[in-house]
Amino acid sequence: MQETLQHIPVFPLNIFLLPGEQLPLHIFEPRYRQLFHEAEEDDIRFGLPFDDQRSGKHMASVCRLLRVVKRYSSGESDVIIEAESLAELKEFESVFPEKSYPGAYVQPWRGEGLDVAPTAELLSTFKRYIEMRYGAHPNHSNVAHYRLMDIAASIALSNEDKVKFILQPTAERRDHTLYQNLRYLNLLLEQERRTENGIILN
């Protein structure tokens, strides 16, 4: 049985966030100032629509306003938003009923295997990524609770690679997709480290 569509406001950026990812924004258009005022006052959720050209999927990250960082006398603001869930965008509307901002009908995304623990090989590769990128040395207890979605949200994936990850049919395929991405990212970080060391030595 198909789940009921949800009718939500949207903030069109064509950016795809995974649950747990955060994004800073500067809000200046009056219609979106209205949206974020309501998000702050009424704790409403809103979508970031994303059209994936590779898969043809119309996705949306369902987000909440995490906090307002700065307010300006002009009415503009700096905010941070956080994605809470994913959805497939079914119908876009240029104006949400009785509002100035746009809206959409979305179908909540119930992908299987997103909350699965990573394989030991993926977890080890992820720990190596953290060490090289941030200079930290994570022990197993720090990342043992991570699931596949947590790892995907913690690494530098493109919008398209995030969609590719969630569209994988099994947890095993998602694990392998992340492993391949992390191997590539680790290779880039290793090359960057060697270049920096070379410059210092010369």
Foldseek 3Di string as FASTA:
>chain_A
DADFWDKFFEDEDQADAFAFAKDKDKFDDPQVLVVVVCLVPVVGWYWYWHQQPVVRFIKIFIKGWPAWDDADPNSMTITMIGGHFMWTFDAWAQADPPGNGIMTITGGDDQPQQQAAADPLLVVLLQLLCCLPPVDRDDCVVCVNDGLSNSVNVDDDGRNLVVVLSPDNHNVVNNVSSSVVSVVSSVVSVVVVVVVVVVVVD
